[in-house]
Amino acid sequence: MMFFFLVLAFFDLSSLRTHFWPLTLSFGKFWRAWQKSLRERGGRAFAEASAYAREAMTL
């Protein structure tokens, strides 16, 4: 039984991609709302957060 889960986890990535699809949609909504609130509060905070996000994406 454990072998099946390992095979699914490492070889069938399309299945895992569809499994986490709702999570990525909700995170995208949260991310846009967070960026909007930062923009409304002030330009410097938004610029710093955007730079941090870009740096985190490149890791």
PDB file of N, CA and C in Angstrom:
ATOM      1  N   MET A   1       0.824  -1.192   0.000  1.00  0.00           N
ATOM      2  CA  MET A   1       0.000   0.000   0.000  1.00  0.00           C
ATOM      3  C   MET A   1       0.874   1.264   0.000  1.00  0.00           C
ATOM      4  N   MET A   2       1.916   1.267   0.803  1.00  0.00           N
ATOM      5  CA  MET A   2       2.795   2.430   0.868  1.00  0.00           C
ATOM      6  C   MET A   2       3.489   2.671  -0.470  1.00  0.00           C
ATOM      7  N   PHE A   3       3.818   1.617  -1.171  1.00  0.00           N
ATOM      8  CA  PHE A   3       4.456   1.744  -2.474  1.00  0.00           C
ATOM      9  C   PHE A   3       3.567   2.513  -3.441  1.00  0.00           C
ATOM     10  N   PHE A   4       2.267   2.262  -3.410  1.00  0.00           N
ATOM     11  CA  PHE A   4       1.332   2.959  -4.291  1.00  0.00           C
ATOM     12  C   PHE A   4       1.380   4.465  -4.051  1.00  0.00           C
ATOM     13  N   PHE A   5       1.400   4.887  -2.789  1.00  0.00           N
ATOM     14  CA  PHE A   5       1.438   6.310  -2.482  1.00  0.00           C
ATOM     15  C   PHE A   5       2.757   6.942  -2.921  1.00  0.00           C
ATOM     16  N   LEU A   6       3.844   6.222  -2.782  1.00  0.00           N
ATOM     17  CA  LEU A   6       5.126   6.753  -3.237  1.00  0.00           C
ATOM     18  C   LEU A   6       5.150   6.915  -4.747  1.00  0.00           C
ATOM     19  N   VAL A   7       4.617   5.943  -5.461  1.00  0.00           N
ATOM     20  CA  VAL A   7       4.561   6.038  -6.921  1.00  0.00           C
ATOM     21  C   VAL A   7       3.685   7.210  -7.325  1.00  0.00           C
ATOM     22  N   LEU A   8       2.550   7.359  -6.684  1.00  0.00           N
ATOM     23  CA  LEU A   8       1.645   8.461  -7.001  1.00  0.00           C
ATOM     24  C   LEU A   8       2.294   9.809  -6.702  1.00  0.00           C
ATOM     25  N   ALA A   9       3.002   9.889  -5.594  1.00  0.00           N
ATOM     26  CA  ALA A   9       3.610  11.155  -5.192  1.00  0.00           C
ATOM     27  C   ALA A   9       4.741  11.574  -6.120  1.00  0.00           C
ATOM     28  N   PHE A  10       5.524  10.618  -6.614  1.00  0.00           N
ATOM     29  CA  PHE A  10       6.701  10.991  -7.380  1.00  0.00           C
ATOM     30  C   PHE A  10       6.555  10.881  -8.891  1.00  0.00           C
ATOM     31  N   PHE A  11       5.585  10.126  -9.369  1.00  0.00           N
ATOM     32  CA  PHE A  11       5.507   9.911 -10.810  1.00  0.00           C
ATOM     33  C   PHE A  11       4.244  10.450 -11.462  1.00  0.00           C
ATOM     34  N   ASP A  12       3.162  10.556 -10.735  1.00  0.00           N
ATOM     35  CA  ASP A  12       1.922  11.012 -11.345  1.00  0.00           C
ATOM     36  C   ASP A  12       1.634  12.440 -10.898  1.00  0.00           C
ATOM     37  N   LEU A  13       2.415  13.375 -11.391  1.00  0.00           N
ATOM     38  CA  LEU A  13       2.307  14.755 -10.937  1.00  0.00           C
ATOM     39  C   LEU A  13       1.025  15.426 -11.393  1.00  0.00           C
ATOM     40  N   SER A  14       0.478  15.026 -12.524  1.00  0.00           N
ATOM     41  CA  SER A  14      -0.762  15.650 -12.972  1.00  0.00           C
ATOM     42  C   SER A  14      -1.886  15.357 -11.992  1.00  0.00           C
ATOM     43  N   SER A  15      -1.886  14.182 -11.407  1.00  0.00           N
ATOM     44  CA  SER A  15      -2.898  13.846 -10.408  1.00  0.00           C
ATOM     45  C   SER A  15      -2.755  14.727  -9.173  1.00  0.00           C
ATOM     46  N   LEU A  16      -1.539  14.949  -8.736  1.00  0.00           N
ATOM     47  CA  LEU A  16      -1.332  15.812  -7.581  1.00  0.00           C
ATOM     48  C   LEU A  16      -1.673  17.259  -7.899  1.00  0.00           C
ATOM     49  N   ARG A  17      -1.396  17.680  -9.120  1.00  0.00           N
ATOM     50  CA  ARG A  17      -1.705  19.042  -9.522  1.00  0.00           C
ATOM     51  C   ARG A  17      -3.201  19.303  -9.433  1.00  0.00           C
ATOM     52  N   THR A  18      -4.010  18.357  -9.878  1.00  0.00           N
ATOM     53  CA  THR A  18      -5.458  18.553  -9.810  1.00  0.00           C
ATOM     54  C   THR A  18      -5.955  18.429  -8.377  1.00  0.00           C
ATOM     55  N   HIS A  19      -5.252  17.681  -7.547  1.00  0.00           N
ATOM     56  CA  HIS A  19      -5.665  17.535  -6.154  1.00  0.00           C
ATOM     57  C   HIS A  19      -5.512  18.854  -5.398  1.00  0.00           C
ATOM     58  N   PHE A  20      -4.459  19.606  -5.661  1.00  0.00           N
ATOM     59  CA  PHE A  20      -4.212  20.856  -4.952  1.00  0.00           C
ATOM     60  C   PHE A  20      -4.785  22.071  -5.670  1.00  0.00           C
ATOM     61  N   TRP A  21      -5.525  21.879  -6.744  1.00  0.00           N
ATOM     62  CA  TRP A  21      -6.053  22.979  -7.532  1.00  0.00           C
ATOM     63  C   TRP A  21      -6.929  23.941  -6.730  1.00  0.00           C
ATOM     64  N   PRO A  22      -7.879  23.477  -5.916  1.00  0.00           N
ATOM     65  CA  PRO A  22      -8.687  24.437  -5.139  1.00  0.00           C
ATOM     66  C   PRO A  22      -7.841  25.264  -4.183  1.00  0.00           C
ATOM     67  N   LEU A  23      -6.806  24.672  -3.630  1.00  0.00           N
ATOM     68  CA  LEU A  23      -5.939  25.397  -2.712  1.00  0.00           C
ATOM     69  C   LEU A  23      -5.217  26.529  -3.432  1.00  0.00           C
ATOM     70  N   THR A  24      -4.763  26.299  -4.647  1.00  0.00           N
ATOM     71  CA  THR A  24      -4.048  27.346  -5.373  1.00  0.00           C
ATOM     72  C   THR A  24      -4.981  28.483  -5.763  1.00  0.00           C
ATOM     73  N   LEU A  25      -6.238  28.179  -6.069  1.00  0.00           N
ATOM     74  CA  LEU A  25      -7.191  29.243  -6.388  1.00  0.00           C
ATOM     75  C   LEU A  25      -7.456  30.124  -5.180  1.00  0.00           C
ATOM     76  N   SER A  26      -7.666  29.529  -4.025  1.00  0.00           N
ATOM     77  CA  SER A  26      -7.944  30.328  -2.829  1.00  0.00           C
ATOM     78  C   SER A  26      -6.717  31.129  -2.415  1.00  0.00           C
ATOM     79  N   PHE A  27      -5.522  30.567  -2.584  1.00  0.00           N
ATOM     80  CA  PHE A  27      -4.314  31.312  -2.251  1.00  0.00           C
ATOM     81  C   PHE A  27      -4.142  32.502  -3.187  1.00  0.00           C
ATOM     82  N   GLY A  28      -4.486  32.335  -4.466  1.00  0.00           N
ATOM     83  CA  GLY A  28      -4.389  33.438  -5.415  1.00  0.00           C
ATOM     84  C   GLY A  28      -5.298  34.593  -5.038  1.00  0.00           C
ATOM     85  N   LYS A  29      -6.508  34.283  -4.585  1.00  0.00           N
ATOM     86  CA  LYS A  29      -7.432  35.337  -4.146  1.00  0.00           C
ATOM     87  C   LYS A  29      -6.881  36.052  -2.922  1.00  0.00           C
ATOM     88  N   PHE A  30      -6.359  35.276  -1.987  1.00  0.00           N
ATOM     89  CA  PHE A  30      -5.767  35.872  -0.790  1.00  0.00           C
ATOM     90  C   PHE A  30      -4.591  36.766  -1.168  1.00  0.00           C
ATOM     91  N   TRP A  31      -3.742  36.310  -2.079  1.00  0.00           N
ATOM     92  CA  TRP A  31      -2.549  37.062  -2.481  1.00  0.00           C
ATOM     93  C   TRP A  31      -2.932  38.397  -3.112  1.00  0.00           C
ATOM     94  N   ARG A  32      -3.935  38.384  -4.009  1.00  0.00           N
ATOM     95  CA  ARG A  32      -4.362  39.638  -4.640  1.00  0.00           C
ATOM     96  C   ARG A  32      -4.953  40.605  -3.620  1.00  0.00           C
ATOM     97  N   ALA A  33      -5.755  40.100  -2.683  1.00  0.00           N
ATOM     98  CA  ALA A  33      -6.339  40.965  -1.651  1.00  0.00           C
ATOM     99  C   ALA A  33      -5.251  41.550  -0.757  1.00  0.00           C
ATOM    100  N   TRP A  34      -4.248  40.759  -0.439  1.00  0.00           N
ATOM    101  CA  TRP A  34      -3.155  41.230   0.399  1.00  0.00           C
ATOM    102  C   TRP A  34      -2.366  42.325  -0.312  1.00  0.00           C
ATOM    103  N   GLN A  35      -2.096  42.124  -1.601  1.00  0.00           N
ATOM    104  CA  GLN A  35      -1.364  43.141  -2.355  1.00  0.00           C
ATOM    105  C   GLN A  35      -2.170  44.433  -2.457  1.00  0.00           C
ATOM    106  N   LYS A  36      -3.472  44.310  -2.646  1.00  0.00           N
ATOM    107  CA  LYS A  36      -4.327  45.498  -2.741  1.00  0.00           C
ATOM    108  C   LYS A  36      -4.299  46.279  -1.430  1.00  0.00           C
ATOM    109  N   SER A  37      -4.369  45.587  -0.301  1.00  0.00           N
ATOM    110  CA  SER A  37      -4.343  46.282   0.987  1.00  0.00           C
ATOM    111  C   SER A  37      -2.994  46.965   1.212  1.00  0.00           C
ATOM    112  N   LEU A  38      -1.916  46.339   0.768  1.00  0.00           N
ATOM    113  CA  LEU A  38      -0.608  46.983   0.901  1.00  0.00           C
ATOM    114  C   LEU A  38      -0.514  48.230   0.033  1.00  0.00           C
ATOM    115  N   ARG A  39      -1.053  48.141  -1.187  1.00  0.00           N
ATOM    116  CA  ARG A  39      -1.035  49.297  -2.079  1.00  0.00           C
ATOM    117  C   ARG A  39      -1.804  50.461  -1.478  1.00  0.00           C
ATOM    118  N   GLU A  40      -2.937  50.167  -0.840  1.00  0.00           N
ATOM    119  CA  GLU A  40      -3.759  51.229  -0.262  1.00  0.00           C
ATOM    120  C   GLU A  40      -3.090  51.866   0.952  1.00  0.00           C
ATOM    121  N   ARG A  41      -2.304  51.092   1.695  1.00  0.00           N
ATOM    122  CA  ARG A  41      -1.649  51.617   2.894  1.00  0.00           C
ATOM    123  C   ARG A  41      -0.459  52.506   2.578  1.00  0.00           C
ATOM    124  N   GLY A  42       0.245  52.194   1.520  1.00  0.00           N
ATOM    125  CA  GLY A  42       1.395  53.032   1.207  1.00  0.00           C
ATOM    126  C   GLY A  42       2.302  52.373   0.200  1.00  0.00           C
ATOM    127  N   GLY A  43       2.949  53.179  -0.597  1.00  0.00           N
ATOM    128  CA  GLY A  43       3.788  52.672  -1.669  1.00  0.00           C
ATOM    129  C   GLY A  43       5.028  51.940  -1.187  1.00  0.00           C
ATOM    130  N   ARG A  44       5.650  52.437  -0.109  1.00  0.00           N
ATOM    131  CA  ARG A  44       6.906  51.828   0.339  1.00  0.00           C
ATOM    132  C   ARG A  44       6.683  50.405   0.852  1.00  0.00           C
ATOM    133  N   ALA A  45       5.624  50.215   1.622  1.00  0.00           N
ATOM    134  CA  ALA A  45       5.347  48.876   2.160  1.00  0.00           C
ATOM    135  C   ALA A  45       5.058  47.901   1.028  1.00  0.00           C
ATOM    136  N   PHE A  46       4.331  48.368   0.012  1.00  0.00           N
ATOM    137  CA  PHE A  46       4.011  47.498  -1.120  1.00  0.00           C
ATOM    138  C   PHE A  46       5.270  47.156  -1.904  1.00  0.00           C
ATOM    139  N   ALA A  47       6.146  48.129  -2.096  1.00  0.00           N
ATOM    140  CA  ALA A  47       7.380  47.878  -2.839  1.00  0.00           C
ATOM    141  C   ALA A  47       8.265  46.872  -2.103  1.00  0.00           C
ATOM    142  N   GLU A  48       8.361  47.011  -0.786  1.00  0.00           N
ATOM    143  CA  GLU A  48       9.175  46.076  -0.009  1.00  0.00           C
ATOM    144  C   GLU A  48       8.592  44.669  -0.051  1.00  0.00           C
ATOM    145  N   ALA A  49       7.275  44.565   0.078  1.00  0.00           N
ATOM    146  CA  ALA A  49       6.633  43.248   0.061  1.00  0.00           C
ATOM    147  C   ALA A  49       6.745  42.608  -1.316  1.00  0.00           C
ATOM    148  N   SER A  50       6.622  43.407  -2.369  1.00  0.00           N
ATOM    149  CA  SER A  50       6.743  42.867  -3.721  1.00  0.00           C
ATOM    150  C   SER A  50       8.158  42.366  -3.981  1.00  0.00           C
ATOM    151  N   ALA A  51       9.146  43.110  -3.511  1.00  0.00           N
ATOM    152  CA  ALA A  51      10.533  42.681  -3.679  1.00  0.00           C
ATOM    153  C   ALA A  51      10.785  41.384  -2.918  1.00  0.00           C
ATOM    154  N   TYR A  52      10.225  41.275  -1.718  1.00  0.00           N
ATOM    155  CA  TYR A  52      10.373  40.045  -0.934  1.00  0.00           C
ATOM    156  C   TYR A  52       9.708  38.876  -1.643  1.00  0.00           C
ATOM    157  N   ALA A  53       8.527  39.104  -2.218  1.00  0.00           N
ATOM    158  CA  ALA A  53       7.809  38.033  -2.922  1.00  0.00           C
ATOM    159  C   ALA A  53       8.580  37.590  -4.160  1.00  0.00           C
ATOM    160  N   ARG A  54       9.133  38.538  -4.902  1.00  0.00           N
ATOM    161  CA  ARG A  54       9.912  38.177  -6.089  1.00  0.00           C
ATOM    162  C   ARG A  54      11.138  37.357  -5.697  1.00  0.00           C
ATOM    163  N   GLU A  55      11.778  37.743  -4.606  1.00  0.00           N
ATOM    164  CA  GLU A  55      12.952  37.005  -4.143  1.00  0.00           C
ATOM    165  C   GLU A  55      12.564  35.590  -3.696  1.00  0.00           C
ATOM    166  N   ALA A  56      11.433  35.457  -3.038  1.00  0.00           N
ATOM    167  CA  ALA A  56      10.979  34.145  -2.572  1.00  0.00           C
ATOM    168  C   ALA A  56      10.622  33.243  -3.751  1.00  0.00           C
ATOM    169  N   MET A  57      10.108  33.822  -4.826  1.00  0.00           N
ATOM    170  CA  MET A  57       9.723  33.027  -5.993  1.00  0.00           C
ATOM    171  C   MET A  57      10.941  32.466  -6.720  1.00  0.00           C
ATOM    172  N   THR A  58      12.081  33.138  -6.626  1.00  0.00           N
ATOM    173  CA  THR A  58      13.266  32.685  -7.341  1.00  0.00           C
ATOM    174  C   THR A  58      14.005  31.574  -6.608  1.00  0.00           C
ATOM    175  N   LEU A  59      13.661  31.342  -5.343  1.00  0.00           N
ATOM    176  CA  LEU A  59      14.351  30.295  -4.569  1.00  0.00           C
ATOM    177  C   LEU A  59      14.024  28.937  -5.048  1.00  0.00           C
TER     178      LEU A  59
END
